[in-house]
Amino acid sequence: MGGMKENLNDLTREILLWCINRNIWLTAAHLPGSENCEADYESRNSNDDTEWELDSEVYIKIEQYFGSPDIDLFASRLNYKVTPYCSYRPDPNAKLVDAFTFNWGTNFNYIFPPFSILGAVLRKIVQDQADAIVIAPLWPTQPWFPKILQLLVDCPRILPVKKSLVTLSFNKAKVHPLLNKLHLTAFKLSGDHLKVKVYQNQLSTLSCIHGETPQNNNIGVISKSGCVFVLKNMLIPCHQL
């Protein structure tokens, strides 16, 4: 079959009809990639930004803290952590394609998206009142970061910095160019304001002397024990995994 491309479907039909008229039978056979270099390259050539995979041992620890997700929303056959998974482009093993086209509110979602779409991811969580584990950098200066703090339903966990934290399955030797600056963190979030409220009611409040400038959301030094953020005078502890 020609797949989703109309021109390929037309070409396939033309070839099939030509063969039928001449009593020719077509059969499929596997051709090793080494003998079909151009097509093999195109099928395997991936955008690194969408193929980074979280270390499996680290992922297991995240599940121990936050629970087991029902679906991996931004994955491929090369890097999925949960089955079923949703891919960003057609994938024979994916249950769904393009996570933004369906409702997230029916599942507990695992989300490790390209950082460039984190803002859209957070808006979707709110829109669908969804629950999710989101893997994102600890970057307080980014416009999406305050929204992450507002959607928390558990204490964030800072992931360990090591070369194997994020890898490419097809190029294990490649190190993420921002590895030492990422401070990747697991955030358990919800678009359900009642769940958020339950968590916020458990937080300590910031007290300061009258006249002092309240602490803002900017991160300080990340110590072995973690760090603390402030959101509307609430202290949000961020622990090491």
C-alpha atoms as a PDB file:
ATOM      1  CA  MET A   1       0.000   0.000   0.000  1.00  0.00           C
ATOM      2  CA  GLY A   2       1.129   3.556  -0.554  1.00  0.00           C
ATOM      3  CA  GLY A   3       0.365   4.806   2.942  1.00  0.00           C
ATOM      4  CA  MET A   4      -0.903   8.332   3.635  1.00  0.00           C
ATOM      5  CA  LYS A   5       0.656  10.000   0.573  1.00  0.00           C
ATOM      6  CA  GLU A   6      -1.903  10.339  -2.239  1.00  0.00           C
ATOM      7  CA  ASN A   7       0.718  10.339  -4.983  1.00  0.00           C
ATOM      8  CA  LEU A   8       2.211   7.091  -3.655  1.00  0.00           C
ATOM      9  CA  ASN A   9      -1.223   5.491  -3.427  1.00  0.00           C
ATOM     10  CA  ASP A  10      -1.879   6.462  -7.054  1.00  0.00           C
ATOM     11  CA  LEU A  11       1.458   5.016  -8.127  1.00  0.00           C
ATOM     12  CA  THR A  12       0.818   1.799  -6.183  1.00  0.00           C
ATOM     13  CA  ARG A  13      -2.589   1.411  -7.815  1.00  0.00           C
ATOM     14  CA  GLU A  14      -1.086   1.969 -11.270  1.00  0.00           C
ATOM     15  CA  ILE A  15       1.564  -0.702 -10.673  1.00  0.00           C
ATOM     16  CA  LEU A  16      -1.001  -3.149  -9.271  1.00  0.00           C
ATOM     17  CA  LEU A  17      -3.368  -2.747 -12.230  1.00  0.00           C
ATOM     18  CA  TRP A  18      -0.465  -3.125 -14.680  1.00  0.00           C
ATOM     19  CA  CYS A  19       0.479  -6.407 -12.994  1.00  0.00           C
ATOM     20  CA  ILE A  20      -3.115  -7.716 -12.900  1.00  0.00           C
ATOM     21  CA  ASN A  21      -3.528  -7.106 -16.633  1.00  0.00           C
ATOM     22  CA  ARG A  22      -0.417  -9.206 -17.260  1.00  0.00           C
ATOM     23  CA  ASN A  23      -1.158 -11.988 -14.750  1.00  0.00           C
ATOM     24  CA  ILE A  24       1.809 -10.955 -12.637  1.00  0.00           C
ATOM     25  CA  TRP A  25       1.770 -11.688  -8.896  1.00  0.00           C
ATOM     26  CA  LEU A  26       3.444  -9.352  -6.416  1.00  0.00           C
ATOM     27  CA  THR A  27       4.893 -10.610  -3.120  1.00  0.00           C
ATOM     28  CA  ALA A  28       6.652  -8.774  -0.295  1.00  0.00           C
ATOM     29  CA  ALA A  29      10.155  -9.690   0.816  1.00  0.00           C
ATOM     30  CA  HIS A  30      12.556  -8.271   3.386  1.00  0.00           C
ATOM     31  CA  LEU A  31      15.524  -6.384   1.983  1.00  0.00           C
ATOM     32  CA  PRO A  32      18.350  -5.783   4.499  1.00  0.00           C
ATOM     33  CA  GLY A  33      19.178  -2.144   5.131  1.00  0.00           C
ATOM     34  CA  SER A  34      22.741  -2.739   3.972  1.00  0.00           C
ATOM     35  CA  GLU A  35      21.328  -3.508   0.515  1.00  0.00           C
ATOM     36  CA  ASN A  36      18.843  -0.635   0.518  1.00  0.00           C
ATOM     37  CA  CYS A  37      20.911   2.197   1.957  1.00  0.00           C
ATOM     38  CA  GLU A  38      18.915   5.235   0.835  1.00  0.00           C
ATOM     39  CA  ALA A  39      15.518   4.007   2.056  1.00  0.00           C
ATOM     40  CA  ASP A  40      17.037   2.598   5.244  1.00  0.00           C
ATOM     41  CA  TYR A  41      18.633   5.954   6.057  1.00  0.00           C
ATOM     42  CA  GLU A  42      15.370   7.841   5.528  1.00  0.00           C
ATOM     43  CA  SER A  43      13.442   5.454   7.797  1.00  0.00           C
ATOM     44  CA  ARG A  44      16.007   5.657  10.580  1.00  0.00           C
ATOM     45  CA  ASN A  45      17.080   9.289  10.290  1.00  0.00           C
ATOM     46  CA  SER A  46      15.459  11.064  13.259  1.00  0.00           C
ATOM     47  CA  ASN A  47      15.339  14.504  14.772  1.00  0.00           C
ATOM     48  CA  ASP A  48      17.461  14.260  17.916  1.00  0.00           C
ATOM     49  CA  ASP A  49      15.212  16.761  19.713  1.00  0.00           C
ATOM     50  CA  THR A  50      12.378  14.231  19.664  1.00  0.00           C
ATOM     51  CA  GLU A  51      14.375  11.039  20.304  1.00  0.00           C
ATOM     52  CA  TRP A  52      16.154  11.650  23.618  1.00  0.00           C
ATOM     53  CA  GLU A  53      15.382   8.826  26.031  1.00  0.00           C
ATOM     54  CA  LEU A  54      15.419   8.988  29.828  1.00  0.00           C
ATOM     55  CA  ASP A  55      17.615   6.479  31.677  1.00  0.00           C
ATOM     56  CA  SER A  56      15.486   3.421  32.548  1.00  0.00           C
ATOM     57  CA  GLU A  57      16.696   3.150  36.155  1.00  0.00           C
ATOM     58  CA  VAL A  58      15.901   6.813  36.735  1.00  0.00           C
ATOM     59  CA  TYR A  59      12.466   6.342  35.196  1.00  0.00           C
ATOM     60  CA  ILE A  60      11.724   3.418  37.540  1.00  0.00           C
ATOM     61  CA  LYS A  61      12.564   5.609  40.547  1.00  0.00           C
ATOM     62  CA  ILE A  62      10.227   8.312  39.249  1.00  0.00           C
ATOM     63  CA  GLU A  63       7.427   5.743  39.047  1.00  0.00           C
ATOM     64  CA  GLN A  64       8.137   4.718  42.638  1.00  0.00           C
ATOM     65  CA  TYR A  65       7.505   8.295  43.787  1.00  0.00           C
ATOM     66  CA  PHE A  66       4.700   9.366  41.485  1.00  0.00           C
ATOM     67  CA  GLY A  67       2.991   6.146  40.336  1.00  0.00           C
ATOM     68  CA  SER A  68       2.827   4.348  36.995  1.00  0.00           C
ATOM     69  CA  PRO A  69       1.512   6.299  33.979  1.00  0.00           C
ATOM     70  CA  ASP A  70      -1.021   4.820  31.569  1.00  0.00           C
ATOM     71  CA  ILE A  71       0.493   6.224  28.375  1.00  0.00           C
ATOM     72  CA  ASP A  72       3.651   7.898  27.027  1.00  0.00           C
ATOM     73  CA  LEU A  73       2.477  10.939  25.064  1.00  0.00           C
ATOM     74  CA  PHE A  74       5.652  12.048  23.260  1.00  0.00           C
ATOM     75  CA  ALA A  75       7.524   8.928  22.220  1.00  0.00           C
ATOM     76  CA  SER A  76       8.553   6.674  19.368  1.00  0.00           C
ATOM     77  CA  ARG A  77       9.449   3.033  18.912  1.00  0.00           C
ATOM     78  CA  LEU A  78      13.001   4.019  19.861  1.00  0.00           C
ATOM     79  CA  ASN A  79      12.448   5.724  23.212  1.00  0.00           C
ATOM     80  CA  TYR A  80       9.026   4.913  24.699  1.00  0.00           C
ATOM     81  CA  LYS A  81       8.856   4.270  28.452  1.00  0.00           C
ATOM     82  CA  VAL A  82       5.192   3.266  28.672  1.00  0.00           C
ATOM     83  CA  THR A  83       2.944   1.174  26.470  1.00  0.00           C
ATOM     84  CA  PRO A  84       0.762   2.203  24.856  1.00  0.00           C
ATOM     85  CA  TYR A  85       2.503   5.293  23.553  1.00  0.00           C
ATOM     86  CA  CYS A  86       1.671   8.198  21.272  1.00  0.00           C
ATOM     87  CA  SER A  87       4.119   9.195  18.533  1.00  0.00           C
ATOM     88  CA  TYR A  88       4.691  12.552  16.878  1.00  0.00           C
ATOM     89  CA  ARG A  89       4.561  11.004  13.398  1.00  0.00           C
ATOM     90  CA  PRO A  90       3.130   7.761  11.923  1.00  0.00           C
ATOM     91  CA  ASP A  91       4.542   4.773  13.803  1.00  0.00           C
ATOM     92  CA  PRO A  92       3.272   1.188  13.320  1.00  0.00           C
ATOM     93  CA  ASN A  93       3.578   0.416  17.037  1.00  0.00           C
ATOM     94  CA  ALA A  94       2.005   3.617  18.362  1.00  0.00           C
ATOM     95  CA  LYS A  95      -1.567   3.605  19.641  1.00  0.00           C
ATOM     96  CA  LEU A  96      -2.041   7.264  18.684  1.00  0.00           C
ATOM     97  CA  VAL A  97      -0.331   9.949  16.615  1.00  0.00           C
ATOM     98  CA  ASP A  98      -0.007  13.642  17.587  1.00  0.00           C
ATOM     99  CA  ALA A  99      -0.767  14.015  21.288  1.00  0.00           C
ATOM    100  CA  PHE A 100      -2.406  17.411  20.860  1.00  0.00           C
ATOM    101  CA  THR A 101      -5.305  15.945  18.863  1.00  0.00           C
ATOM    102  CA  PHE A 102      -7.006  13.986  21.672  1.00  0.00           C
ATOM    103  CA  ASN A 103      -8.123  14.401  25.291  1.00  0.00           C
ATOM    104  CA  TRP A 104      -5.479  13.773  27.982  1.00  0.00           C
ATOM    105  CA  GLY A 105      -7.964  13.834  30.835  1.00  0.00           C
ATOM    106  CA  THR A 106      -8.782  10.118  30.719  1.00  0.00           C
ATOM    107  CA  ASN A 107      -5.245   8.884  31.502  1.00  0.00           C
ATOM    108  CA  PHE A 108      -2.322   9.390  33.863  1.00  0.00           C
ATOM    109  CA  ASN A 109       0.226  10.633  31.335  1.00  0.00           C
ATOM    110  CA  TYR A 110       4.019  10.437  31.049  1.00  0.00           C
ATOM    111  CA  ILE A 111       5.354  13.443  29.150  1.00  0.00           C
ATOM    112  CA  PHE A 112       8.974  14.052  28.131  1.00  0.00           C
ATOM    113  CA  PRO A 113       8.459  16.567  25.306  1.00  0.00           C
ATOM    114  CA  PRO A 114      10.807  18.759  23.278  1.00  0.00           C
ATOM    115  CA  PHE A 115      11.471  21.756  25.531  1.00  0.00           C
ATOM    116  CA  SER A 116      10.254  24.145  22.839  1.00  0.00           C
ATOM    117  CA  ILE A 117       6.642  22.963  23.306  1.00  0.00           C
ATOM    118  CA  LEU A 118       6.500  22.907  27.118  1.00  0.00           C
ATOM    119  CA  GLY A 119       4.215  25.940  27.169  1.00  0.00           C
ATOM    120  CA  ALA A 120       1.732  24.173  24.886  1.00  0.00           C
ATOM    121  CA  VAL A 121       1.961  21.012  27.001  1.00  0.00           C
ATOM    122  CA  LEU A 122       1.045  22.908  30.174  1.00  0.00           C
ATOM    123  CA  ARG A 123      -1.885  24.616  28.459  1.00  0.00           C
ATOM    124  CA  LYS A 124      -3.165  21.223  27.302  1.00  0.00           C
ATOM    125  CA  ILE A 125      -2.915  19.817  30.846  1.00  0.00           C
ATOM    126  CA  VAL A 126      -5.049  22.701  32.102  1.00  0.00           C
ATOM    127  CA  GLN A 127      -7.505  22.474  29.205  1.00  0.00           C
ATOM    128  CA  ASP A 128      -8.108  18.728  29.687  1.00  0.00           C
ATOM    129  CA  GLN A 129      -7.782  18.785  33.504  1.00  0.00           C
ATOM    130  CA  ALA A 130      -5.200  16.056  33.003  1.00  0.00           C
ATOM    131  CA  ASP A 131      -2.817  14.351  35.425  1.00  0.00           C
ATOM    132  CA  ALA A 132       0.767  13.890  34.258  1.00  0.00           C
ATOM    133  CA  ILE A 133       4.395  13.312  35.082  1.00  0.00           C
ATOM    134  CA  VAL A 134       6.297  15.930  33.097  1.00  0.00           C
ATOM    135  CA  ILE A 135      10.071  15.806  32.598  1.00  0.00           C
ATOM    136  CA  ALA A 136      11.410  19.334  32.135  1.00  0.00           C
ATOM    137  CA  PRO A 137      14.498  21.421  32.899  1.00  0.00           C
ATOM    138  CA  LEU A 138      14.674  23.380  36.135  1.00  0.00           C
ATOM    139  CA  TRP A 139      14.740  26.711  34.292  1.00  0.00           C
ATOM    140  CA  PRO A 140      12.938  29.355  36.422  1.00  0.00           C
ATOM    141  CA  THR A 141      13.587  32.147  33.901  1.00  0.00           C
ATOM    142  CA  GLN A 142      11.493  30.462  31.206  1.00  0.00           C
ATOM    143  CA  PRO A 143       7.963  31.876  30.719  1.00  0.00           C
ATOM    144  CA  TRP A 144       6.381  28.435  31.250  1.00  0.00           C
ATOM    145  CA  PHE A 145       8.079  27.762  34.598  1.00  0.00           C
ATOM    146  CA  PRO A 146       5.639  29.617  36.913  1.00  0.00           C
ATOM    147  CA  LYS A 147       2.798  27.570  35.392  1.00  0.00           C
ATOM    148  CA  ILE A 148       4.601  24.344  36.324  1.00  0.00           C
ATOM    149  CA  LEU A 149       4.724  25.504  39.952  1.00  0.00           C
ATOM    150  CA  GLN A 150       1.027  26.380  39.827  1.00  0.00           C
ATOM    151  CA  LEU A 151       0.060  22.880  38.635  1.00  0.00           C
ATOM    152  CA  LEU A 152       2.128  20.832  41.107  1.00  0.00           C
ATOM    153  CA  VAL A 153       0.457  18.084  43.130  1.00  0.00           C
ATOM    154  CA  ASP A 154       3.644  16.637  44.658  1.00  0.00           C
ATOM    155  CA  CYS A 155       7.198  17.720  45.416  1.00  0.00           C
ATOM    156  CA  PRO A 156       9.372  17.841  42.270  1.00  0.00           C
ATOM    157  CA  ARG A 157      12.328  15.473  42.015  1.00  0.00           C
ATOM    158  CA  ILE A 158      15.617  16.672  40.517  1.00  0.00           C
ATOM    159  CA  LEU A 159      17.162  13.947  38.369  1.00  0.00           C
ATOM    160  CA  PRO A 160      20.829  12.969  38.811  1.00  0.00           C
ATOM    161  CA  VAL A 161      23.319  14.526  36.410  1.00  0.00           C
ATOM    162  CA  LYS A 162      25.122  11.741  34.565  1.00  0.00           C
ATOM    163  CA  LYS A 163      26.036  11.056  30.950  1.00  0.00           C
ATOM    164  CA  SER A 164      23.493   8.250  30.688  1.00  0.00           C
ATOM    165  CA  LEU A 165      20.587  10.363  31.989  1.00  0.00           C
ATOM    166  CA  VAL A 166      19.373  11.119  28.463  1.00  0.00           C
ATOM    167  CA  THR A 167      20.634   9.143  25.493  1.00  0.00           C
ATOM    168  CA  LEU A 168      19.800   8.337  21.888  1.00  0.00           C
ATOM    169  CA  SER A 169      19.037   4.659  21.325  1.00  0.00           C
ATOM    170  CA  PHE A 170      20.673   4.819  17.894  1.00  0.00           C
ATOM    171  CA  ASN A 171      23.749   6.723  19.154  1.00  0.00           C
ATOM    172  CA  LYS A 172      24.496   5.891  22.796  1.00  0.00           C
ATOM    173  CA  ALA A 173      27.833   7.688  22.648  1.00  0.00           C
ATOM    174  CA  LYS A 174      26.225  11.078  21.993  1.00  0.00           C
ATOM    175  CA  VAL A 175      25.865  13.273  25.084  1.00  0.00           C
ATOM    176  CA  HIS A 176      23.079  15.846  25.308  1.00  0.00           C
ATOM    177  CA  PRO A 177      24.692  19.239  24.542  1.00  0.00           C
ATOM    178  CA  LEU A 178      23.004  20.888  27.563  1.00  0.00           C
ATOM    179  CA  LEU A 179      23.398  17.998  30.007  1.00  0.00           C
ATOM    180  CA  ASN A 180      25.180  19.975  32.729  1.00  0.00           C
ATOM    181  CA  LYS A 181      22.784  22.929  32.457  1.00  0.00           C
ATOM    182  CA  LEU A 182      19.483  21.083  32.215  1.00  0.00           C
ATOM    183  CA  HIS A 183      18.872  20.077  35.844  1.00  0.00           C
ATOM    184  CA  LEU A 184      16.165  17.805  34.465  1.00  0.00           C
ATOM    185  CA  THR A 185      13.341  17.410  36.946  1.00  0.00           C
ATOM    186  CA  ALA A 186      10.273  15.203  37.269  1.00  0.00           C
ATOM    187  CA  PHE A 187       7.125  17.209  38.008  1.00  0.00           C
ATOM    188  CA  LYS A 188       3.807  15.609  38.958  1.00  0.00           C
ATOM    189  CA  LEU A 189       1.154  17.988  37.657  1.00  0.00           C
ATOM    190  CA  SER A 190      -2.609  18.225  37.405  1.00  0.00           C
ATOM    191  CA  GLY A 191      -5.029  20.475  35.579  1.00  0.00           C
ATOM    192  CA  ASP A 192      -7.605  19.728  38.300  1.00  0.00           C
ATOM    193  CA  HIS A 193      -7.516  22.742  40.629  1.00  0.00           C
ATOM    194  CA  LEU A 194      -8.943  20.692  43.517  1.00  0.00           C
ATOM    195  CA  LYS A 195      -5.974  18.287  43.423  1.00  0.00           C
ATOM    196  CA  VAL A 196      -3.606  21.247  43.242  1.00  0.00           C
ATOM    197  CA  LYS A 197      -5.314  22.842  46.239  1.00  0.00           C
ATOM    198  CA  VAL A 198      -4.908  19.672  48.322  1.00  0.00           C
ATOM    199  CA  TYR A 199      -1.138  19.731  47.690  1.00  0.00           C
ATOM    200  CA  GLN A 200      -0.786  23.465  48.320  1.00  0.00           C
ATOM    201  CA  ASN A 201      -2.592  23.129  51.658  1.00  0.00           C
ATOM    202  CA  GLN A 202       0.241  20.839  52.792  1.00  0.00           C
ATOM    203  CA  LEU A 203       2.982  23.386  52.043  1.00  0.00           C
ATOM    204  CA  SER A 204       4.703  25.600  54.573  1.00  0.00           C
ATOM    205  CA  THR A 205       4.310  29.345  54.191  1.00  0.00           C
ATOM    206  CA  LEU A 206       7.040  31.933  53.878  1.00  0.00           C
ATOM    207  CA  SER A 207       7.466  34.299  56.786  1.00  0.00           C
ATOM    208  CA  CYS A 208       9.542  37.456  56.541  1.00  0.00           C
ATOM    209  CA  ILE A 209      10.122  40.525  58.635  1.00  0.00           C
ATOM    210  CA  HIS A 210       7.888  43.496  57.801  1.00  0.00           C
ATOM    211  CA  GLY A 211       9.572  45.649  55.172  1.00  0.00           C
ATOM    212  CA  GLU A 212      11.678  42.851  53.713  1.00  0.00           C
ATOM    213  CA  THR A 213      11.344  41.962  50.054  1.00  0.00           C
ATOM    214  CA  PRO A 214       9.630  38.572  49.707  1.00  0.00           C
ATOM    215  CA  GLN A 215      11.627  35.819  48.013  1.00  0.00           C
ATOM    216  CA  ASN A 216      10.767  35.335  44.353  1.00  0.00           C
ATOM    217  CA  ASN A 217      10.606  32.167  42.281  1.00  0.00           C
ATOM    218  CA  ASN A 218      14.233  32.258  41.155  1.00  0.00           C
ATOM    219  CA  ILE A 219      16.303  29.218  41.950  1.00  0.00           C
ATOM    220  CA  GLY A 220      19.375  29.386  44.117  1.00  0.00           C
ATOM    221  CA  VAL A 221      22.159  26.825  44.349  1.00  0.00           C
ATOM    222  CA  ILE A 222      20.952  23.247  44.013  1.00  0.00           C
ATOM    223  CA  SER A 223      22.393  21.388  46.989  1.00  0.00           C
ATOM    224  CA  LYS A 224      22.582  17.666  47.694  1.00  0.00           C
ATOM    225  CA  SER A 225      19.208  17.937  49.383  1.00  0.00           C
ATOM    226  CA  GLY A 226      17.610  19.987  46.594  1.00  0.00           C
ATOM    227  CA  CYS A 227      16.250  23.536  46.557  1.00  0.00           C
ATOM    228  CA  VAL A 228      13.142  25.553  47.400  1.00  0.00           C
ATOM    229  CA  PHE A 229      10.808  27.724  45.321  1.00  0.00           C
ATOM    230  CA  VAL A 230       8.272  30.264  46.494  1.00  0.00           C
ATOM    231  CA  LEU A 231       4.796  30.530  44.994  1.00  0.00           C
ATOM    232  CA  LYS A 232       2.362  33.017  46.549  1.00  0.00           C
ATOM    233  CA  ASN A 233       4.214  32.783  49.872  1.00  0.00           C
ATOM    234  CA  MET A 234       4.132  28.976  49.771  1.00  0.00           C
ATOM    235  CA  LEU A 235       7.450  27.126  50.049  1.00  0.00           C
ATOM    236  CA  ILE A 236       7.774  24.395  47.426  1.00  0.00           C
ATOM    237  CA  PRO A 237      10.584  21.950  48.235  1.00  0.00           C
ATOM    238  CA  CYS A 238      12.334  20.364  45.280  1.00  0.00           C
ATOM    239  CA  HIS A 239      14.182  17.185  46.315  1.00  0.00           C
ATOM    240  CA  GLN A 240      16.919  15.188  44.654  1.00  0.00           C
ATOM    241  CA  LEU A 241      15.659  11.899  43.239  1.00  0.00           C
END
